[in-house]
């Protein structure tokens, strides 16, 4: 039984980068799709595609700069056993704003930079750089 599907998705992406893969297929959900779209918008992955009729899956195309992976590391911050919430004025800066934090807000899932501009806080899902 899988207790944290978001963490599973992030670690699958990290492991695929470490193994030198170019594509990855994993189970889909609305939250995973929105996180993957944020990763695509911030150029950590090349593409995301949802397919399947009954059992939906995500196909993620990984991005490399030469032979270097676009994503160096990922850290899950808020976990099922301990949720971490922050107000708008305490949003984290990842590697002095070279990385991103993905935040689940009342206005949807967005990066820490977008949440800071919108002046909304929320749950810190993960940090990526």
C-alpha atoms as a PDB file:
ATOM      1  CA  UNK A   1       0.000   0.000   0.000  1.00  0.00           C
ATOM      2  CA  UNK A   2       1.333   3.398  -1.004  1.00  0.00           C
ATOM      3  CA  UNK A   3       0.867   6.056   1.686  1.00  0.00           C
ATOM      4  CA  UNK A   4       2.449   9.068  -0.027  1.00  0.00           C
ATOM      5  CA  UNK A   5       1.893   9.113  -3.815  1.00  0.00           C
ATOM      6  CA  UNK A   6       3.410  12.619  -4.266  1.00  0.00           C
ATOM      7  CA  UNK A   7       6.659  11.547  -2.638  1.00  0.00           C
ATOM      8  CA  UNK A   8       6.637   8.404  -4.786  1.00  0.00           C
ATOM      9  CA  UNK A   9       6.275  10.527  -7.937  1.00  0.00           C
ATOM     10  CA  UNK A  10       9.126  12.872  -6.986  1.00  0.00           C
ATOM     11  CA  UNK A  11      11.489  10.019  -6.092  1.00  0.00           C
ATOM     12  CA  UNK A  12      10.631   8.158  -9.321  1.00  0.00           C
ATOM     13  CA  UNK A  13      11.588  11.278 -11.298  1.00  0.00           C
ATOM     14  CA  UNK A  14      14.827  11.671  -9.325  1.00  0.00           C
ATOM     15  CA  UNK A  15      15.718   7.978  -9.770  1.00  0.00           C
ATOM     16  CA  UNK A  16      14.984   8.140 -13.509  1.00  0.00           C
ATOM     17  CA  UNK A  17      17.374  11.111 -13.799  1.00  0.00           C
ATOM     18  CA  UNK A  18      20.053   9.217 -11.859  1.00  0.00           C
ATOM     19  CA  UNK A  19      19.626   6.202 -14.149  1.00  0.00           C
ATOM     20  CA  UNK A  20      19.895   8.368 -17.293  1.00  0.00           C
ATOM     21  CA  UNK A  21      16.374   7.617 -18.546  1.00  0.00           C
ATOM     22  CA  UNK A  22      14.600   9.927 -21.002  1.00  0.00           C
ATOM     23  CA  UNK A  23      10.986   8.956 -20.249  1.00  0.00           C
ATOM     24  CA  UNK A  24       9.049   7.859 -17.208  1.00  0.00           C
ATOM     25  CA  UNK A  25       5.530   6.432 -16.820  1.00  0.00           C
ATOM     26  CA  UNK A  26       3.673   6.569 -13.506  1.00  0.00           C
ATOM     27  CA  UNK A  27       0.082   6.539 -12.182  1.00  0.00           C
ATOM     28  CA  UNK A  28      -1.799   9.802 -12.628  1.00  0.00           C
ATOM     29  CA  UNK A  29      -3.859  12.060 -10.386  1.00  0.00           C
ATOM     30  CA  UNK A  30      -4.932  15.701 -10.568  1.00  0.00           C
ATOM     31  CA  UNK A  31      -2.291  16.744  -8.025  1.00  0.00           C
ATOM     32  CA  UNK A  32       0.497  14.848  -9.797  1.00  0.00           C
ATOM     33  CA  UNK A  33      -0.520  16.387 -13.127  1.00  0.00           C
ATOM     34  CA  UNK A  34      -0.451  19.919 -11.715  1.00  0.00           C
ATOM     35  CA  UNK A  35       2.956  19.313 -10.072  1.00  0.00           C
ATOM     36  CA  UNK A  36       4.278  17.930 -13.376  1.00  0.00           C
ATOM     37  CA  UNK A  37       2.949  21.009 -15.216  1.00  0.00           C
ATOM     38  CA  UNK A  38       4.785  23.254 -12.741  1.00  0.00           C
ATOM     39  CA  UNK A  39       7.976  21.243 -13.307  1.00  0.00           C
ATOM     40  CA  UNK A  40       7.513  21.654 -17.066  1.00  0.00           C
ATOM     41  CA  UNK A  41       6.910  25.405 -16.769  1.00  0.00           C
ATOM     42  CA  UNK A  42      10.131  25.747 -14.751  1.00  0.00           C
ATOM     43  CA  UNK A  43      12.086  23.547 -17.237  1.00  0.00           C
ATOM     44  CA  UNK A  44      12.831  20.689 -14.841  1.00  0.00           C
ATOM     45  CA  UNK A  45      11.137  18.305 -17.306  1.00  0.00           C
ATOM     46  CA  UNK A  46      10.541  18.557 -21.068  1.00  0.00           C
ATOM     47  CA  UNK A  47       6.975  17.349 -21.310  1.00  0.00           C
ATOM     48  CA  UNK A  48       4.057  15.712 -19.569  1.00  0.00           C
ATOM     49  CA  UNK A  49       1.230  13.732 -21.134  1.00  0.00           C
ATOM     50  CA  UNK A  50      -1.751  11.998 -19.530  1.00  0.00           C
ATOM     51  CA  UNK A  51      -3.047   8.869 -21.252  1.00  0.00           C
ATOM     52  CA  UNK A  52      -5.267   5.870 -20.609  1.00  0.00           C
ATOM     53  CA  UNK A  53      -9.024   5.443 -20.328  1.00  0.00           C
ATOM     54  CA  UNK A  54      -9.841   3.711 -17.057  1.00  0.00           C
ATOM     55  CA  UNK A  55      -6.445   3.715 -15.384  1.00  0.00           C
ATOM     56  CA  UNK A  56      -4.849   7.069 -16.225  1.00  0.00           C
ATOM     57  CA  UNK A  57      -1.077   7.342 -16.342  1.00  0.00           C
ATOM     58  CA  UNK A  58       1.427  10.162 -16.795  1.00  0.00           C
ATOM     59  CA  UNK A  59       4.259  10.019 -19.303  1.00  0.00           C
ATOM     60  CA  UNK A  60       7.022  12.425 -18.290  1.00  0.00           C
ATOM     61  CA  UNK A  61       9.851  13.356 -20.644  1.00  0.00           C
ATOM     62  CA  UNK A  62      12.992  14.221 -18.712  1.00  0.00           C
ATOM     63  CA  UNK A  63      15.193  17.193 -19.553  1.00  0.00           C
ATOM     64  CA  UNK A  64      18.988  17.179 -19.711  1.00  0.00           C
ATOM     65  CA  UNK A  65      21.517  19.965 -20.258  1.00  0.00           C
ATOM     66  CA  UNK A  66      24.211  18.032 -22.076  1.00  0.00           C
ATOM     67  CA  UNK A  67      24.568  14.974 -19.849  1.00  0.00           C
ATOM     68  CA  UNK A  68      23.588  16.848 -16.675  1.00  0.00           C
ATOM     69  CA  UNK A  69      20.016  16.350 -15.387  1.00  0.00           C
ATOM     70  CA  UNK A  70      17.892  19.501 -15.149  1.00  0.00           C
ATOM     71  CA  UNK A  71      16.808  18.489 -11.629  1.00  0.00           C
ATOM     72  CA  UNK A  72      19.666  18.028  -9.170  1.00  0.00           C
ATOM     73  CA  UNK A  73      17.711  17.205  -6.023  1.00  0.00           C
ATOM     74  CA  UNK A  74      14.197  17.131  -4.607  1.00  0.00           C
ATOM     75  CA  UNK A  75      13.118  17.229  -0.960  1.00  0.00           C
ATOM     76  CA  UNK A  76       9.640  16.408   0.310  1.00  0.00           C
ATOM     77  CA  UNK A  77       8.833  18.947   3.038  1.00  0.00           C
ATOM     78  CA  UNK A  78       5.231  18.354   4.113  1.00  0.00           C
ATOM     79  CA  UNK A  79       4.624  14.661   4.734  1.00  0.00           C
ATOM     80  CA  UNK A  80       1.463  12.749   5.673  1.00  0.00           C
ATOM     81  CA  UNK A  81       2.671  12.461   9.279  1.00  0.00           C
ATOM     82  CA  UNK A  82       3.659  16.116   9.589  1.00  0.00           C
ATOM     83  CA  UNK A  83       2.062  18.830   7.485  1.00  0.00           C
ATOM     84  CA  UNK A  84       4.005  22.097   7.152  1.00  0.00           C
ATOM     85  CA  UNK A  85       1.985  25.280   6.525  1.00  0.00           C
ATOM     86  CA  UNK A  86       3.440  28.776   6.108  1.00  0.00           C
ATOM     87  CA  UNK A  87       1.882  32.231   5.814  1.00  0.00           C
ATOM     88  CA  UNK A  88       2.570  34.405   2.774  1.00  0.00           C
ATOM     89  CA  UNK A  89       5.315  36.398   4.499  1.00  0.00           C
ATOM     90  CA  UNK A  90       7.310  33.249   5.474  1.00  0.00           C
ATOM     91  CA  UNK A  91       7.442  31.451   2.113  1.00  0.00           C
ATOM     92  CA  UNK A  92      10.791  29.677   1.641  1.00  0.00           C
ATOM     93  CA  UNK A  93      13.555  30.712  -0.743  1.00  0.00           C
ATOM     94  CA  UNK A  94      15.202  27.643  -2.257  1.00  0.00           C
ATOM     95  CA  UNK A  95      18.922  28.127  -2.973  1.00  0.00           C
ATOM     96  CA  UNK A  96      18.480  31.900  -2.939  1.00  0.00           C
ATOM     97  CA  UNK A  97      15.644  31.609  -5.532  1.00  0.00           C
ATOM     98  CA  UNK A  98      17.596  29.408  -7.984  1.00  0.00           C
ATOM     99  CA  UNK A  99      15.323  26.509  -7.055  1.00  0.00           C
ATOM    100  CA  UNK A 100      11.575  26.366  -6.467  1.00  0.00           C
ATOM    101  CA  UNK A 101       9.249  25.235  -3.707  1.00  0.00           C
ATOM    102  CA  UNK A 102       5.846  23.898  -4.720  1.00  0.00           C
ATOM    103  CA  UNK A 103       3.060  25.257  -2.512  1.00  0.00           C
ATOM    104  CA  UNK A 104      -0.540  24.062  -2.248  1.00  0.00           C
ATOM    105  CA  UNK A 105      -2.606  27.205  -1.680  1.00  0.00           C
ATOM    106  CA  UNK A 106      -6.281  28.084  -1.602  1.00  0.00           C
ATOM    107  CA  UNK A 107      -5.823  29.314  -5.196  1.00  0.00           C
ATOM    108  CA  UNK A 108      -4.321  26.028  -6.393  1.00  0.00           C
ATOM    109  CA  UNK A 109      -0.845  24.562  -6.624  1.00  0.00           C
ATOM    110  CA  UNK A 110       1.885  27.073  -7.489  1.00  0.00           C
ATOM    111  CA  UNK A 111       5.543  27.854  -6.955  1.00  0.00           C
ATOM    112  CA  UNK A 112       6.813  29.864  -4.006  1.00  0.00           C
ATOM    113  CA  UNK A 113       7.550  32.795  -6.329  1.00  0.00           C
ATOM    114  CA  UNK A 114       3.973  32.878  -7.669  1.00  0.00           C
ATOM    115  CA  UNK A 115       2.565  32.535  -4.141  1.00  0.00           C
ATOM    116  CA  UNK A 116       4.768  35.413  -2.955  1.00  0.00           C
ATOM    117  CA  UNK A 117       3.468  37.605  -5.817  1.00  0.00           C
ATOM    118  CA  UNK A 118      -0.143  36.593  -5.046  1.00  0.00           C
ATOM    119  CA  UNK A 119       0.440  37.095  -1.295  1.00  0.00           C
ATOM    120  CA  UNK A 120      -0.988  33.692  -0.317  1.00  0.00           C
ATOM    121  CA  UNK A 121       0.446  31.032   1.968  1.00  0.00           C
ATOM    122  CA  UNK A 122      -0.229  27.328   2.149  1.00  0.00           C
ATOM    123  CA  UNK A 123       1.272  23.884   2.539  1.00  0.00           C
ATOM    124  CA  UNK A 124       4.859  23.416   1.323  1.00  0.00           C
ATOM    125  CA  UNK A 125       4.803  20.230  -0.743  1.00  0.00           C
ATOM    126  CA  UNK A 126       8.444  20.023  -1.819  1.00  0.00           C
ATOM    127  CA  UNK A 127      11.616  21.902  -2.751  1.00  0.00           C
ATOM    128  CA  UNK A 128      13.336  21.309  -6.104  1.00  0.00           C
ATOM    129  CA  UNK A 129      16.663  22.515  -7.435  1.00  0.00           C
END
